[in-house]
Amino acid sequence: MYYCNEQLKGKILGEPASDHGVLIDRMLYITIALTGIVFFATQIALFWFSFKYQESDKRKAFYYPHNNKLELIWTVIPAIALTVLVGFGLFYWFKITGDAPKDAMQVEVVGKQFGWEFRYPGRDKILGKKYFKNVDPAKNNPAGQIWEDPANHDDVFMEQEMHLVVNKPVRLVIGAKDVIHDVGLAHFRLKMDAVPGTPTTMWFTPKYTTKQMAEKTGKPDFVYEISCDQMCGKGHYSMRGVIVVENRKSLMHGWLAKSHNIWLQIRTKIHRLKRCSNDSTLSCNNKIINIAIPRR
């Protein structure tokens, strides 16, 4: 396993693209090293004892039923080793799922059959409230936002593509619309279940932009991917999203400037309807305008 991991390390995922990913890889190497030593030691001992003490007419078997010292050794040593491994795992787990830094970016990630939805808070840095009965793509409310909550008015909604800022912590608020999905971020060495009705969270800090990672891997068309790591139906294979990591300037003046603010679209449509109702000279009779009607 160690040999395969070393030979293929730069050909599959490359180096971890998050600070937590470095810790996860380190834990993996420590686990492989310890279990590898135990594996080879026990297998060599097994074959050696099997060969040396094989059945023979020239030797009488020695009855050796119990030894407290041996029992203590092969109980305590594995217990200590496993405690160290579990301790590493718990430490990293609580670090990943614990409180994110106060300046962390926040993104809501929602899985559905078969795709991903992303929502970002606006200038207020607060995600608006939502209600599952409000979910209605036909009325321009795919996330189920409650429009009476002012915090929703500047939220940004996107599908299939998540944008992050390099070297800035990001906290993911994860959920699902239908069945259990799983947010798999292989390049960042992270994953978390997306459960309907039960939000889960984790945070990390991207270390490299998409462009930098493309240079490191030698793949000009490299993209960070988000996959569903939980079998969720016949379209499970198609749940591939894209993560774009860029600098803050590119995010603010590029993608974010062209982002999809549903509330602004609704307000624009309402304004058009008012103009149509107040101005008889406008040919509004043949226009069909879908408006998301707020519901509590």
C-alpha atoms as a PDB file:
ATOM      1  CA  MET A   1       0.000   0.000   0.000  1.00  0.00           C
ATOM      2  CA  TYR A   2       2.793   2.403   0.900  1.00  0.00           C
ATOM      3  CA  TYR A   3       4.634   1.606  -2.349  1.00  0.00           C
ATOM      4  CA  CYS A   4       1.513   2.195  -4.460  1.00  0.00           C
ATOM      5  CA  ASN A   5       0.757   5.414  -2.611  1.00  0.00           C
ATOM      6  CA  GLU A   6       4.304   6.710  -3.185  1.00  0.00           C
ATOM      7  CA  GLN A   7       4.346   5.728  -6.855  1.00  0.00           C
ATOM      8  CA  LEU A   8       0.930   7.209  -7.645  1.00  0.00           C
ATOM      9  CA  LYS A   9       0.958  10.157  -5.199  1.00  0.00           C
ATOM     10  CA  GLY A  10       1.572  12.809  -7.836  1.00  0.00           C
ATOM     11  CA  LYS A  11      -0.472  11.148 -10.561  1.00  0.00           C
ATOM     12  CA  ILE A  12      -3.918  10.882  -8.944  1.00  0.00           C
ATOM     13  CA  LEU A  13      -4.666  13.713  -6.513  1.00  0.00           C
ATOM     14  CA  GLY A  14      -1.370  15.506  -6.133  1.00  0.00           C
ATOM     15  CA  GLU A  15      -0.434  17.182  -2.880  1.00  0.00           C
ATOM     16  CA  PRO A  16      -3.247  18.196  -0.532  1.00  0.00           C
ATOM     17  CA  ALA A  17      -4.759  21.562  -1.449  1.00  0.00           C
ATOM     18  CA  SER A  18      -5.840  22.543   2.077  1.00  0.00           C
ATOM     19  CA  ASP A  19      -4.143  22.980   5.431  1.00  0.00           C
ATOM     20  CA  HIS A  20      -6.274  20.201   6.930  1.00  0.00           C
ATOM     21  CA  GLY A  21      -5.394  17.972   4.001  1.00  0.00           C
ATOM     22  CA  VAL A  22      -1.723  18.064   5.044  1.00  0.00           C
ATOM     23  CA  LEU A  23      -2.703  16.749   8.489  1.00  0.00           C
ATOM     24  CA  ILE A  24      -4.919  14.049   6.996  1.00  0.00           C
ATOM     25  CA  ASP A  25      -2.097  12.826   4.746  1.00  0.00           C
ATOM     26  CA  ARG A  26       0.290  12.826   7.695  1.00  0.00           C
ATOM     27  CA  MET A  27      -2.145  10.735   9.725  1.00  0.00           C
ATOM     28  CA  LEU A  28      -2.490   8.323   6.789  1.00  0.00           C
ATOM     29  CA  TYR A  29       1.283   7.863   6.530  1.00  0.00           C
ATOM     30  CA  ILE A  30       1.610   7.277  10.289  1.00  0.00           C
ATOM     31  CA  THR A  31      -1.205   4.710  10.161  1.00  0.00           C
ATOM     32  CA  ILE A  32       0.339   2.923   7.164  1.00  0.00           C
ATOM     33  CA  ALA A  33       3.760   2.891   8.874  1.00  0.00           C
ATOM     34  CA  LEU A  34       2.498   1.449  12.175  1.00  0.00           C
ATOM     35  CA  THR A  35       0.172  -1.124  10.628  1.00  0.00           C
ATOM     36  CA  GLY A  36       2.870  -2.013   8.067  1.00  0.00           C
ATOM     37  CA  ILE A  37       5.426  -2.747  10.806  1.00  0.00           C
ATOM     38  CA  VAL A  38       2.888  -4.880  12.690  1.00  0.00           C
ATOM     39  CA  PHE A  39       1.854  -6.695   9.516  1.00  0.00           C
ATOM     40  CA  PHE A  40       5.364  -7.692   8.460  1.00  0.00           C
ATOM     41  CA  ALA A  41       6.418  -8.576  12.026  1.00  0.00           C
ATOM     42  CA  THR A  42       3.418 -10.839  12.645  1.00  0.00           C
ATOM     43  CA  GLN A  43       3.554 -12.479   9.212  1.00  0.00           C
ATOM     44  CA  ILE A  44       7.278 -13.230   9.471  1.00  0.00           C
ATOM     45  CA  ALA A  45       6.781 -14.631  12.979  1.00  0.00           C
ATOM     46  CA  LEU A  46       3.802 -16.710  11.814  1.00  0.00           C
ATOM     47  CA  PHE A  47       5.691 -18.332   8.943  1.00  0.00           C
ATOM     48  CA  TRP A  48       8.851 -18.819  11.000  1.00  0.00           C
ATOM     49  CA  PHE A  49       7.007 -20.552  13.866  1.00  0.00           C
ATOM     50  CA  SER A  50       4.986 -22.638  11.396  1.00  0.00           C
ATOM     51  CA  PHE A  51       8.197 -23.834   9.736  1.00  0.00           C
ATOM     52  CA  LYS A  52      10.333 -24.293  12.860  1.00  0.00           C
ATOM     53  CA  TYR A  53       7.702 -26.081  14.906  1.00  0.00           C
ATOM     54  CA  GLN A  54       6.055 -28.140  12.213  1.00  0.00           C
ATOM     55  CA  GLU A  55       4.910 -31.662  13.088  1.00  0.00           C
ATOM     56  CA  SER A  56       7.726 -34.167  13.543  1.00  0.00           C
ATOM     57  CA  ASP A  57       8.026 -37.732  14.866  1.00  0.00           C
ATOM     58  CA  LYS A  58      11.336 -36.780  16.496  1.00  0.00           C
ATOM     59  CA  ARG A  59       9.845 -34.114  18.707  1.00  0.00           C
ATOM     60  CA  LYS A  60       7.181 -34.182  21.399  1.00  0.00           C
ATOM     61  CA  ALA A  61       4.753 -31.224  21.599  1.00  0.00           C
ATOM     62  CA  PHE A  62       5.174 -28.986  24.644  1.00  0.00           C
ATOM     63  CA  TYR A  63       1.966 -27.997  26.432  1.00  0.00           C
ATOM     64  CA  TYR A  64       2.135 -24.210  27.064  1.00  0.00           C
ATOM     65  CA  PRO A  65      -1.375 -22.994  27.940  1.00  0.00           C
ATOM     66  CA  HIS A  66      -0.812 -19.561  29.497  1.00  0.00           C
ATOM     67  CA  ASN A  67       1.676 -16.774  30.205  1.00  0.00           C
ATOM     68  CA  ASN A  68       0.532 -13.627  31.981  1.00  0.00           C
ATOM     69  CA  LYS A  69       3.564 -11.610  30.877  1.00  0.00           C
ATOM     70  CA  LEU A  70       2.990 -12.367  27.183  1.00  0.00           C
ATOM     71  CA  GLU A  71      -0.739 -11.674  27.515  1.00  0.00           C
ATOM     72  CA  LEU A  72       0.047  -8.297  29.068  1.00  0.00           C
ATOM     73  CA  ILE A  73       2.579  -7.377  26.362  1.00  0.00           C
ATOM     74  CA  TRP A  74       0.398  -8.187  23.353  1.00  0.00           C
ATOM     75  CA  THR A  75      -2.588  -6.492  24.950  1.00  0.00           C
ATOM     76  CA  VAL A  76      -0.982  -3.283  26.216  1.00  0.00           C
ATOM     77  CA  ILE A  77       1.214  -2.490  23.195  1.00  0.00           C
ATOM     78  CA  PRO A  78      -1.605  -2.741  20.591  1.00  0.00           C
ATOM     79  CA  ALA A  79      -3.891  -0.803  22.945  1.00  0.00           C
ATOM     80  CA  ILE A  80      -1.354   2.047  23.181  1.00  0.00           C
ATOM     81  CA  ALA A  81      -0.791   2.069  19.406  1.00  0.00           C
ATOM     82  CA  LEU A  82      -4.528   2.126  18.654  1.00  0.00           C
ATOM     83  CA  THR A  83      -5.082   4.848  21.270  1.00  0.00           C
ATOM     84  CA  VAL A  84      -2.465   7.017  19.533  1.00  0.00           C
ATOM     85  CA  LEU A  85      -4.092   6.452  16.124  1.00  0.00           C
ATOM     86  CA  VAL A  86      -7.593   7.137  17.447  1.00  0.00           C
ATOM     87  CA  GLY A  87      -6.262  10.209  19.262  1.00  0.00           C
ATOM     88  CA  PHE A  88      -4.859  11.578  15.994  1.00  0.00           C
ATOM     89  CA  GLY A  89      -8.195  10.915  14.288  1.00  0.00           C
ATOM     90  CA  LEU A  90     -10.256  12.603  17.006  1.00  0.00           C
ATOM     91  CA  PHE A  91      -7.930  15.606  17.125  1.00  0.00           C
ATOM     92  CA  TYR A  92      -8.153  16.189  13.372  1.00  0.00           C
ATOM     93  CA  TRP A  93     -11.894  15.465  13.296  1.00  0.00           C
ATOM     94  CA  PHE A  94     -12.678  18.072  15.959  1.00  0.00           C
ATOM     95  CA  LYS A  95     -10.322  20.508  14.236  1.00  0.00           C
ATOM     96  CA  ILE A  96     -12.182  20.103  10.933  1.00  0.00           C
ATOM     97  CA  THR A  97     -15.710  20.140  12.403  1.00  0.00           C
ATOM     98  CA  GLY A  98     -15.052  22.638  15.194  1.00  0.00           C
ATOM     99  CA  ASP A  99     -15.515  26.395  15.167  1.00  0.00           C
ATOM    100  CA  ALA A 100     -14.128  28.118  12.089  1.00  0.00           C
ATOM    101  CA  PRO A 101     -12.110  31.343  12.414  1.00  0.00           C
ATOM    102  CA  LYS A 102     -14.244  34.463  12.831  1.00  0.00           C
ATOM    103  CA  ASP A 103     -13.191  35.841   9.443  1.00  0.00           C
ATOM    104  CA  ALA A 104     -14.069  32.614   7.624  1.00  0.00           C
ATOM    105  CA  MET A 105     -16.063  32.745   4.404  1.00  0.00           C
ATOM    106  CA  GLN A 106     -19.390  30.902   4.658  1.00  0.00           C
ATOM    107  CA  VAL A 107     -20.990  28.779   1.946  1.00  0.00           C
ATOM    108  CA  GLU A 108     -24.141  26.688   2.124  1.00  0.00           C
ATOM    109  CA  VAL A 109     -23.836  23.429   0.163  1.00  0.00           C
ATOM    110  CA  VAL A 110     -27.009  21.475  -0.626  1.00  0.00           C
ATOM    111  CA  GLY A 111     -27.084  18.138  -2.399  1.00  0.00           C
ATOM    112  CA  LYS A 112     -30.008  17.013  -4.515  1.00  0.00           C
ATOM    113  CA  GLN A 113     -30.739  14.308  -7.058  1.00  0.00           C
ATOM    114  CA  PHE A 114     -28.519  14.833  -8.985  1.00  0.00           C
ATOM    115  CA  GLY A 115     -26.542  18.015  -8.491  1.00  0.00           C
ATOM    116  CA  TRP A 116     -25.283  20.671  -6.087  1.00  0.00           C
ATOM    117  CA  GLU A 117     -26.584  24.056  -4.977  1.00  0.00           C
ATOM    118  CA  PHE A 118     -24.478  26.766  -3.331  1.00  0.00           C
ATOM    119  CA  ARG A 119     -25.604  29.850  -1.438  1.00  0.00           C
ATOM    120  CA  TYR A 120     -23.400  32.700  -0.208  1.00  0.00           C
ATOM    121  CA  PRO A 121     -24.298  35.434   2.295  1.00  0.00           C
ATOM    122  CA  GLY A 122     -24.075  39.003   1.037  1.00  0.00           C
ATOM    123  CA  ARG A 123     -22.554  42.058   2.689  1.00  0.00           C
ATOM    124  CA  ASP A 124     -24.321  41.270   5.963  1.00  0.00           C
ATOM    125  CA  LYS A 125     -22.389  37.951   6.107  1.00  0.00           C
ATOM    126  CA  ILE A 126     -25.563  36.193   7.250  1.00  0.00           C
ATOM    127  CA  LEU A 127     -27.349  33.430   5.377  1.00  0.00           C
ATOM    128  CA  GLY A 128     -31.072  34.164   5.274  1.00  0.00           C
ATOM    129  CA  LYS A 129     -33.625  31.771   6.686  1.00  0.00           C
ATOM    130  CA  LYS A 130     -35.259  29.172   4.478  1.00  0.00           C
ATOM    131  CA  TYR A 131     -38.152  26.722   4.705  1.00  0.00           C
ATOM    132  CA  PHE A 132     -38.378  23.454   2.814  1.00  0.00           C
ATOM    133  CA  LYS A 133     -42.002  24.092   1.807  1.00  0.00           C
ATOM    134  CA  ASN A 134     -40.860  27.249   0.026  1.00  0.00           C
ATOM    135  CA  VAL A 135     -38.676  25.286  -2.387  1.00  0.00           C
ATOM    136  CA  ASP A 136     -40.161  25.975  -5.813  1.00  0.00           C
ATOM    137  CA  PRO A 137     -37.847  26.407  -8.823  1.00  0.00           C
ATOM    138  CA  ALA A 138     -40.865  27.317 -10.971  1.00  0.00           C
ATOM    139  CA  LYS A 139     -41.350  30.418  -8.796  1.00  0.00           C
ATOM    140  CA  ASN A 140     -37.660  31.302  -8.824  1.00  0.00           C
ATOM    141  CA  ASN A 141     -37.024  29.988  -5.314  1.00  0.00           C
ATOM    142  CA  PRO A 142     -34.971  26.785  -5.652  1.00  0.00           C
ATOM    143  CA  ALA A 143     -33.382  27.170  -2.209  1.00  0.00           C
ATOM    144  CA  GLY A 144     -36.662  27.749  -0.328  1.00  0.00           C
ATOM    145  CA  GLN A 145     -35.635  31.186   0.941  1.00  0.00           C
ATOM    146  CA  ILE A 146     -38.037  33.181   3.111  1.00  0.00           C
ATOM    147  CA  TRP A 147     -38.135  36.583   1.431  1.00  0.00           C
ATOM    148  CA  GLU A 148     -39.552  38.312   4.500  1.00  0.00           C
ATOM    149  CA  ASP A 149     -36.141  37.789   6.118  1.00  0.00           C
ATOM    150  CA  PRO A 150     -33.971  40.768   5.044  1.00  0.00           C
ATOM    151  CA  ALA A 151     -30.846  38.611   5.329  1.00  0.00           C
ATOM    152  CA  ASN A 152     -32.004  36.772   2.207  1.00  0.00           C
ATOM    153  CA  HIS A 153     -32.070  39.890   0.033  1.00  0.00           C
ATOM    154  CA  ASP A 154     -28.327  39.930  -0.662  1.00  0.00           C
ATOM    155  CA  ASP A 155     -27.671  36.166  -0.684  1.00  0.00           C
ATOM    156  CA  VAL A 156     -26.090  34.742  -3.825  1.00  0.00           C
ATOM    157  CA  PHE A 157     -27.312  31.443  -5.282  1.00  0.00           C
ATOM    158  CA  MET A 158     -25.390  29.216  -7.713  1.00  0.00           C
ATOM    159  CA  GLU A 159     -25.580  25.664  -9.014  1.00  0.00           C
ATOM    160  CA  GLN A 160     -22.803  23.177  -9.799  1.00  0.00           C
ATOM    161  CA  GLU A 161     -19.936  25.642  -9.303  1.00  0.00           C
ATOM    162  CA  MET A 162     -18.498  26.844  -5.999  1.00  0.00           C
ATOM    163  CA  HIS A 163     -16.030  29.745  -5.796  1.00  0.00           C
ATOM    164  CA  LEU A 164     -13.558  30.102  -2.912  1.00  0.00           C
ATOM    165  CA  VAL A 165     -10.774  32.534  -2.005  1.00  0.00           C
ATOM    166  CA  VAL A 166      -7.241  31.168  -1.686  1.00  0.00           C
ATOM    167  CA  ASN A 167      -5.705  31.259   1.821  1.00  0.00           C
ATOM    168  CA  LYS A 168      -9.037  32.295   3.345  1.00  0.00           C
ATOM    169  CA  PRO A 169     -10.828  29.876   5.710  1.00  0.00           C
ATOM    170  CA  VAL A 170     -14.212  28.692   4.460  1.00  0.00           C
ATOM    171  CA  ARG A 171     -16.991  27.150   6.534  1.00  0.00           C
ATOM    172  CA  LEU A 172     -19.354  24.835   4.687  1.00  0.00           C
ATOM    173  CA  VAL A 173     -22.931  24.465   5.959  1.00  0.00           C
ATOM    174  CA  ILE A 174     -24.043  21.198   4.399  1.00  0.00           C
ATOM    175  CA  GLY A 175     -27.535  19.805   3.813  1.00  0.00           C
ATOM    176  CA  ALA A 176     -29.649  17.826   1.345  1.00  0.00           C
ATOM    177  CA  LYS A 177     -33.058  18.177  -0.277  1.00  0.00           C
ATOM    178  CA  ASP A 178     -34.084  14.564  -0.796  1.00  0.00           C
ATOM    179  CA  VAL A 179     -31.844  11.651   0.230  1.00  0.00           C
ATOM    180  CA  ILE A 180     -28.506  11.386   2.005  1.00  0.00           C
ATOM    181  CA  HIS A 181     -25.634  12.657  -0.127  1.00  0.00           C
ATOM    182  CA  ASP A 182     -21.995  13.162   0.792  1.00  0.00           C
ATOM    183  CA  VAL A 183     -19.784  16.155   0.019  1.00  0.00           C
ATOM    184  CA  GLY A 184     -16.519  14.658  -1.229  1.00  0.00           C
ATOM    185  CA  LEU A 185     -13.583  17.070  -1.619  1.00  0.00           C
ATOM    186  CA  ALA A 186     -10.793  14.688  -2.584  1.00  0.00           C
ATOM    187  CA  HIS A 187      -8.234  17.353  -3.464  1.00  0.00           C
ATOM    188  CA  PHE A 188      -8.739  18.932  -0.036  1.00  0.00           C
ATOM    189  CA  ARG A 189      -8.850  15.499   1.692  1.00  0.00           C
ATOM    190  CA  LEU A 190     -12.274  16.172   3.221  1.00  0.00           C
ATOM    191  CA  LYS A 191     -15.744  14.654   3.136  1.00  0.00           C
ATOM    192  CA  MET A 192     -18.975  15.094   5.066  1.00  0.00           C
ATOM    193  CA  ASP A 193     -22.472  13.613   4.867  1.00  0.00           C
ATOM    194  CA  ALA A 194     -25.276  15.825   3.548  1.00  0.00           C
ATOM    195  CA  VAL A 195     -28.390  14.829   5.494  1.00  0.00           C
ATOM    196  CA  PRO A 196     -31.932  16.148   4.860  1.00  0.00           C
ATOM    197  CA  GLY A 197     -33.106  18.251   7.806  1.00  0.00           C
ATOM    198  CA  THR A 198     -29.832  17.925   9.713  1.00  0.00           C
ATOM    199  CA  PRO A 199     -27.175  20.498   8.764  1.00  0.00           C
ATOM    200  CA  THR A 200     -23.548  19.418   9.139  1.00  0.00           C
ATOM    201  CA  THR A 201     -20.493  21.676   9.022  1.00  0.00           C
ATOM    202  CA  MET A 202     -16.775  21.574   8.360  1.00  0.00           C
ATOM    203  CA  TRP A 203     -14.142  24.161   7.508  1.00  0.00           C
ATOM    204  CA  PHE A 204     -10.783  24.342   5.787  1.00  0.00           C
ATOM    205  CA  THR A 205      -8.409  26.788   4.111  1.00  0.00           C
ATOM    206  CA  PRO A 206      -7.573  26.353   0.397  1.00  0.00           C
ATOM    207  CA  LYS A 207      -3.803  26.623  -0.140  1.00  0.00           C
ATOM    208  CA  TYR A 208      -3.586  26.961  -3.912  1.00  0.00           C
ATOM    209  CA  THR A 209      -5.656  28.611  -6.600  1.00  0.00           C
ATOM    210  CA  THR A 210      -6.988  26.450  -9.427  1.00  0.00           C
ATOM    211  CA  LYS A 211      -4.353  27.973 -11.708  1.00  0.00           C
ATOM    212  CA  GLN A 212      -1.535  27.166  -9.277  1.00  0.00           C
ATOM    213  CA  MET A 213      -2.746  23.590  -8.889  1.00  0.00           C
ATOM    214  CA  ALA A 214      -2.883  23.204 -12.670  1.00  0.00           C
ATOM    215  CA  GLU A 215       0.783  24.209 -12.799  1.00  0.00           C
ATOM    216  CA  LYS A 216       1.706  21.856  -9.951  1.00  0.00           C
ATOM    217  CA  THR A 217      -0.043  18.864 -11.521  1.00  0.00           C
ATOM    218  CA  GLY A 218       1.041  19.701 -15.056  1.00  0.00           C
ATOM    219  CA  LYS A 219      -2.577  19.529 -16.206  1.00  0.00           C
ATOM    220  CA  PRO A 220      -3.702  22.728 -17.990  1.00  0.00           C
ATOM    221  CA  ASP A 221      -7.371  21.713 -17.722  1.00  0.00           C
ATOM    222  CA  PHE A 222      -7.183  20.875 -13.997  1.00  0.00           C
ATOM    223  CA  VAL A 223     -10.241  21.675 -11.860  1.00  0.00           C
ATOM    224  CA  TYR A 224     -11.053  20.984  -8.230  1.00  0.00           C
ATOM    225  CA  GLU A 225     -14.039  18.660  -8.028  1.00  0.00           C
ATOM    226  CA  ILE A 226     -16.871  18.083  -5.592  1.00  0.00           C
ATOM    227  CA  SER A 227     -18.321  14.590  -5.777  1.00  0.00           C
ATOM    228  CA  CYS A 228     -21.102  12.719  -4.042  1.00  0.00           C
ATOM    229  CA  ASP A 229     -19.507   9.911  -2.012  1.00  0.00           C
ATOM    230  CA  GLN A 230     -22.822   8.327  -1.013  1.00  0.00           C
ATOM    231  CA  MET A 231     -24.903   6.167  -3.330  1.00  0.00           C
ATOM    232  CA  CYS A 232     -27.988   8.340  -3.864  1.00  0.00           C
ATOM    233  CA  GLY A 233     -29.834   6.909  -6.871  1.00  0.00           C
ATOM    234  CA  LYS A 234     -29.455   6.000 -10.514  1.00  0.00           C
ATOM    235  CA  GLY A 235     -27.928   9.392 -11.391  1.00  0.00           C
ATOM    236  CA  HIS A 236     -25.310   9.217  -8.612  1.00  0.00           C
ATOM    237  CA  TYR A 237     -22.453   9.031 -11.127  1.00  0.00           C
ATOM    238  CA  SER A 238     -23.388  12.432 -12.579  1.00  0.00           C
ATOM    239  CA  MET A 239     -23.109  14.419  -9.317  1.00  0.00           C
ATOM    240  CA  ARG A 240     -19.914  16.215 -10.250  1.00  0.00           C
ATOM    241  CA  GLY A 241     -19.488  19.823  -9.262  1.00  0.00           C
ATOM    242  CA  VAL A 242     -16.612  22.220  -9.848  1.00  0.00           C
ATOM    243  CA  ILE A 243     -14.732  24.295  -7.275  1.00  0.00           C
ATOM    244  CA  VAL A 244     -12.893  27.399  -8.443  1.00  0.00           C
ATOM    245  CA  VAL A 245     -10.246  28.717  -6.044  1.00  0.00           C
ATOM    246  CA  GLU A 246      -9.043  32.212  -6.916  1.00  0.00           C
ATOM    247  CA  ASN A 247      -7.716  35.350  -5.289  1.00  0.00           C
ATOM    248  CA  ARG A 248     -10.077  37.823  -3.650  1.00  0.00           C
ATOM    249  CA  LYS A 249      -9.790  40.418  -6.406  1.00  0.00           C
ATOM    250  CA  SER A 250     -10.796  37.918  -9.106  1.00  0.00           C
ATOM    251  CA  LEU A 251     -13.723  36.746  -6.984  1.00  0.00           C
ATOM    252  CA  MET A 252     -15.074  40.209  -6.187  1.00  0.00           C
ATOM    253  CA  HIS A 253     -14.667  41.764  -9.634  1.00  0.00           C
ATOM    254  CA  GLY A 254     -15.194  38.660 -11.721  1.00  0.00           C
ATOM    255  CA  TRP A 255     -17.542  35.914 -10.644  1.00  0.00           C
ATOM    256  CA  LEU A 256     -19.297  37.727  -7.786  1.00  0.00           C
ATOM    257  CA  ALA A 257     -20.053  40.743  -9.968  1.00  0.00           C
ATOM    258  CA  LYS A 258     -21.946  38.450 -12.336  1.00  0.00           C
ATOM    259  CA  SER A 259     -23.500  36.294  -9.616  1.00  0.00           C
ATOM    260  CA  HIS A 260     -27.126  35.209  -9.359  1.00  0.00           C
ATOM    261  CA  ASN A 261     -29.052  37.220  -6.756  1.00  0.00           C
ATOM    262  CA  ILE A 262     -32.602  35.876  -6.820  1.00  0.00           C
ATOM    263  CA  TRP A 263     -34.094  38.683  -4.713  1.00  0.00           C
ATOM    264  CA  LEU A 264     -32.880  41.340  -7.142  1.00  0.00           C
ATOM    265  CA  GLN A 265     -34.494  39.414 -10.019  1.00  0.00           C
ATOM    266  CA  ILE A 266     -37.762  39.174  -8.122  1.00  0.00           C
ATOM    267  CA  ARG A 267     -37.692  42.885  -7.235  1.00  0.00           C
ATOM    268  CA  THR A 268     -36.988  43.756 -10.883  1.00  0.00           C
ATOM    269  CA  LYS A 269     -39.916  41.627 -12.045  1.00  0.00           C
ATOM    270  CA  ILE A 270     -42.237  43.165  -9.464  1.00  0.00           C
ATOM    271  CA  HIS A 271     -41.179  46.620 -10.649  1.00  0.00           C
ATOM    272  CA  ARG A 272     -41.954  45.633 -14.253  1.00  0.00           C
ATOM    273  CA  LEU A 273     -45.384  44.407 -13.243  1.00  0.00           C
ATOM    274  CA  LYS A 274     -46.087  47.688 -11.480  1.00  0.00           C
ATOM    275  CA  ARG A 275     -45.029  49.594 -14.579  1.00  0.00           C
ATOM    276  CA  CYS A 276     -47.286  47.383 -16.685  1.00  0.00           C
ATOM    277  CA  SER A 277     -50.234  48.009 -14.381  1.00  0.00           C
ATOM    278  CA  ASN A 278     -49.644  51.789 -14.258  1.00  0.00           C
ATOM    279  CA  ASP A 279     -48.730  52.389 -17.874  1.00  0.00           C
ATOM    280  CA  SER A 280     -51.384  51.354 -20.370  1.00  0.00           C
ATOM    281  CA  THR A 281     -49.108  52.210 -23.294  1.00  0.00           C
ATOM    282  CA  LEU A 282     -46.828  49.267 -22.526  1.00  0.00           C
ATOM    283  CA  SER A 283     -47.665  46.047 -24.351  1.00  0.00           C
ATOM    284  CA  CYS A 284     -47.657  43.874 -21.236  1.00  0.00           C
ATOM    285  CA  ASN A 285     -50.594  41.647 -21.993  1.00  0.00           C
ATOM    286  CA  ASN A 286     -48.490  39.107 -23.833  1.00  0.00           C
ATOM    287  CA  LYS A 287     -45.682  39.023 -21.277  1.00  0.00           C
ATOM    288  CA  ILE A 288     -45.534  36.153 -18.794  1.00  0.00           C
ATOM    289  CA  ILE A 289     -43.555  36.998 -15.678  1.00  0.00           C
ATOM    290  CA  ASN A 290     -42.941  34.362 -12.990  1.00  0.00           C
ATOM    291  CA  ILE A 291     -42.599  35.778  -9.532  1.00  0.00           C
ATOM    292  CA  ALA A 292     -41.535  33.923  -6.399  1.00  0.00           C
ATOM    293  CA  ILE A 293     -44.365  34.565  -3.935  1.00  0.00           C
ATOM    294  CA  PRO A 294     -43.049  34.681  -0.351  1.00  0.00           C
ATOM    295  CA  ARG A 295     -44.621  32.106   1.913  1.00  0.00           C
ATOM    296  CA  ARG A 296     -44.114  31.607   5.624  1.00  0.00           C
END
